[in-house]
């Protein structure tokens, strides 16, 4: 959070018109698998990292409101060369699509203040809404399904009410990151 603050403050002081915040889907991991999550849904982080990213989003809002810096915020999926884990058919973000989202967010005219969008490849099983053309002039092209045969447990059925975070939503996941 301190690093994001320093970048936003430097942008304000230097009259830089736009700062792209690369955020995380972890701010919304407690939504059920069956729910197509959009940026308008309330924040429900499933990890301490997700909590820190929610704080960075709030910091982006603060700077957009108070200083006029335009702050697009991309909640990225699982950024990997190729999907390899059982959640990746829903969460994968290819390098090509990541570049497209970042470029669109940095050049879009719509970001006059603050906006949050999900950045994930065009995965058939994705959990998140893709931005519309009017929100962000980019449409992802890659789909994790082209790699599904190489992903262990990719076709295991998911409980519709299970959290999108999978096993990471368990208390034990967070407790192992807390020092006594």
Protein backbone atom coordinates (compact mmCIF):
# COMPACT_ATOMS: atom_id res chain seq x y z
CA UNK A 1 0.00 0.00 0.00
CA UNK A 2 2.87 2.36 0.79
CA UNK A 3 4.32 1.84 -2.70
CA UNK A 4 0.96 2.59 -4.32
CA UNK A 5 0.63 5.72 -2.20
CA UNK A 6 4.09 6.89 -3.29
CA UNK A 7 3.29 6.33 -6.98
CA UNK A 8 -0.05 8.15 -6.72
CA UNK A 9 1.50 11.03 -4.79
CA UNK A 10 4.33 11.32 -7.34
CA UNK A 11 1.72 11.40 -10.11
CA UNK A 12 -0.18 14.16 -8.33
CA UNK A 13 2.94 16.24 -7.76
CA UNK A 14 4.20 15.65 -11.29
CA UNK A 15 0.81 16.37 -12.92
CA UNK A 16 0.77 12.86 -14.41
CA UNK A 17 -2.79 12.46 -15.70
CA UNK A 18 -3.25 8.68 -15.24
CA UNK A 19 -1.97 5.88 -13.01
CA UNK A 20 -2.91 2.27 -13.74
CA UNK A 21 -3.38 0.19 -10.60
CA UNK A 22 -2.92 -3.52 -11.16
CA UNK A 23 -5.24 -5.05 -8.65
CA UNK A 24 -6.29 -8.62 -7.85
CA UNK A 25 -9.35 -10.80 -8.06
CA UNK A 26 -8.59 -11.67 -4.44
CA UNK A 27 -10.70 -8.70 -3.33
CA UNK A 28 -13.81 -10.77 -4.24
CA UNK A 29 -12.92 -14.42 -3.53
CA UNK A 30 -15.84 -15.24 -1.27
CA UNK A 31 -18.44 -14.99 -4.01
CA UNK A 32 -19.93 -18.36 -4.98
CA UNK A 33 -18.60 -20.08 -8.10
CA UNK A 34 -22.05 -19.83 -9.72
CA UNK A 35 -22.13 -16.01 -9.37
CA UNK A 36 -20.73 -13.97 -12.28
CA UNK A 37 -18.98 -11.24 -10.32
CA UNK A 38 -18.76 -7.68 -11.58
CA UNK A 39 -16.86 -4.62 -10.41
CA UNK A 40 -20.04 -3.22 -8.86
CA UNK A 41 -20.24 -6.10 -6.34
CA UNK A 42 -19.02 -5.31 -2.82
CA UNK A 43 -15.48 -6.21 -1.82
CA UNK A 44 -15.13 -9.59 -0.03
CA UNK A 45 -11.40 -10.43 0.20
CA UNK A 46 -10.35 -13.97 1.02
CA UNK A 47 -6.77 -13.26 2.05
CA UNK A 48 -4.63 -10.64 3.70
CA UNK A 49 -3.27 -9.85 0.24
CA UNK A 50 -6.87 -9.26 -0.89
CA UNK A 51 -7.40 -6.92 2.05
CA UNK A 52 -4.29 -4.95 1.02
CA UNK A 53 -5.58 -4.74 -2.56
CA UNK A 54 -8.95 -3.48 -1.31
CA UNK A 55 -7.05 -0.76 0.56
CA UNK A 56 -5.14 0.13 -2.61
CA UNK A 57 -8.46 0.45 -4.48
CA UNK A 58 -9.67 2.85 -1.78
CA UNK A 59 -6.43 4.81 -2.11
CA UNK A 60 -7.03 5.03 -5.87
CA UNK A 61 -10.52 6.42 -5.23
CA UNK A 62 -9.08 8.95 -2.79
CA UNK A 63 -6.52 10.25 -5.28
CA UNK A 64 -9.02 10.30 -8.15
CA UNK A 65 -11.51 12.27 -6.05
CA UNK A 66 -9.08 14.70 -4.42
CA UNK A 67 -6.36 15.26 -6.99
CA UNK A 68 -7.98 14.60 -10.34
CA UNK A 69 -5.51 11.86 -11.28
CA UNK A 70 -7.33 9.33 -13.48
CA UNK A 71 -7.03 5.88 -11.87
CA UNK A 72 -8.10 2.81 -13.84
CA UNK A 73 -7.88 -0.28 -11.69
CA UNK A 74 -7.62 -3.77 -13.22
CA UNK A 75 -8.50 -6.78 -11.05
CA UNK A 76 -6.38 -9.39 -12.75
CA UNK A 77 -6.91 -13.12 -12.82
CA UNK A 78 -4.19 -15.79 -12.66
CA UNK A 79 -1.47 -14.27 -14.83
CA UNK A 80 0.44 -17.21 -16.32
CA UNK A 81 1.98 -18.18 -19.65
CA UNK A 82 -0.52 -21.07 -19.74
CA UNK A 83 -3.14 -22.31 -17.25
CA UNK A 84 -1.87 -25.12 -14.99
CA UNK A 85 -4.17 -25.31 -11.93
CA UNK A 86 -7.75 -26.45 -11.45
CA UNK A 87 -9.02 -22.86 -10.91
CA UNK A 88 -7.30 -21.55 -14.05
CA UNK A 89 -10.12 -22.49 -16.49
CA UNK A 90 -12.02 -19.71 -14.70
CA UNK A 91 -9.24 -17.32 -13.66
CA UNK A 92 -6.47 -17.46 -16.29
CA UNK A 93 -5.14 -14.22 -17.80
CA UNK A 94 -2.79 -14.79 -20.73
CA UNK A 95 0.18 -12.47 -21.31
CA UNK A 96 -1.36 -11.31 -24.62
CA UNK A 97 -4.66 -10.43 -22.95
CA UNK A 98 -2.88 -8.77 -20.00
CA UNK A 99 -1.04 -6.49 -22.41
CA UNK A 100 -4.31 -5.67 -24.19
CA UNK A 101 -6.11 -4.79 -20.96
CA UNK A 102 -3.25 -2.61 -19.70
CA UNK A 103 -2.92 -0.78 -22.99
CA UNK A 104 -6.68 -0.18 -23.16
CA UNK A 105 -6.82 1.09 -19.57
CA UNK A 106 -3.94 3.49 -20.16
CA UNK A 107 -5.39 4.91 -23.37
CA UNK A 108 -9.16 4.78 -22.75
CA UNK A 109 -10.97 8.09 -22.71
CA UNK A 110 -13.64 6.84 -20.32
CA UNK A 111 -11.45 6.98 -17.23
CA UNK A 112 -12.12 10.49 -16.08
CA UNK A 113 -11.71 9.57 -12.39
CA UNK A 114 -11.70 6.03 -11.07
CA UNK A 115 -12.93 2.76 -12.54
CA UNK A 116 -12.44 -0.90 -11.65
CA UNK A 117 -12.66 -3.68 -14.22
CA UNK A 118 -11.83 -7.38 -14.25
CA UNK A 119 -8.97 -8.41 -16.51
CA UNK A 120 -9.25 -12.09 -17.37
CA UNK A 121 -8.96 -13.99 -20.61
CA UNK A 122 -12.10 -14.98 -22.52
CA UNK A 123 -12.42 -18.19 -20.51
CA UNK A 124 -15.70 -20.00 -20.98
CA UNK A 125 -15.78 -20.82 -17.24
CA UNK A 126 -14.71 -17.41 -15.92
CA UNK A 127 -16.13 -16.12 -12.64
CA UNK A 128 -16.00 -12.44 -13.58
CA UNK A 129 -17.76 -10.10 -15.96
CA UNK A 130 -15.65 -8.79 -18.79
CA UNK A 131 -15.76 -5.04 -19.44
CA UNK A 132 -18.04 -3.97 -22.25
CA UNK A 133 -16.61 -2.22 -25.30
CA UNK A 134 -18.02 1.07 -23.98
CA UNK A 135 -16.23 0.57 -20.64
CA UNK A 136 -12.87 -0.54 -22.00
CA UNK A 137 -12.00 -0.85 -25.67
CA UNK A 138 -10.47 -4.31 -25.45
CA UNK A 139 -11.88 -7.78 -25.89
CA UNK A 140 -9.71 -10.68 -24.68
CA UNK A 141 -8.97 -13.41 -27.20
CA UNK A 142 -7.42 -16.33 -25.30
CA UNK A 143 -9.45 -19.09 -23.60
CA UNK A 144 -8.18 -21.53 -20.98
CA UNK A 145 -10.29 -24.27 -22.59
CA UNK A 146 -7.59 -24.70 -25.24
CA UNK A 147 -5.32 -25.94 -22.42
CA UNK A 148 -7.90 -27.84 -20.32
CA UNK A 149 -6.64 -31.30 -21.28
CA UNK A 150 -3.28 -30.44 -19.65
CA UNK A 151 -4.72 -29.09 -16.39
CA UNK A 152 -5.12 -31.58 -13.51
CA UNK A 153 -8.73 -31.74 -12.26
CA UNK A 154 -9.85 -29.13 -14.81
CA UNK A 155 -13.10 -30.99 -15.41
CA UNK A 156 -13.87 -31.83 -11.79
CA UNK A 157 -17.35 -30.48 -11.03
CA UNK A 158 -17.45 -27.42 -8.77
CA UNK A 159 -20.06 -26.87 -6.10
CA UNK A 160 -22.10 -23.85 -7.26
CA UNK A 161 -22.06 -22.36 -3.74
CA UNK A 162 -18.34 -23.00 -3.14
CA UNK A 163 -16.26 -19.83 -2.95
CA UNK A 164 -14.43 -18.72 -6.08
CA UNK A 165 -11.21 -18.73 -4.04
CA UNK A 166 -11.41 -22.50 -3.64
CA UNK A 167 -9.29 -23.88 -0.80
CA UNK A 168 -7.72 -20.44 -0.36
CA UNK A 169 -10.99 -19.35 1.30
CA UNK A 170 -10.29 -21.64 4.27
CA UNK A 171 -9.23 -20.04 7.54
CA UNK A 172 -6.05 -22.15 7.52
CA UNK A 173 -4.91 -20.37 4.34
CA UNK A 174 -4.91 -17.02 6.13
CA UNK A 175 -3.63 -18.29 9.48
CA UNK A 176 -0.44 -19.66 7.95
CA UNK A 177 0.44 -16.11 6.90
CA UNK A 178 -0.02 -14.64 10.38
CA UNK A 179 2.91 -14.64 12.76
CA UNK A 180 2.09 -15.38 16.40
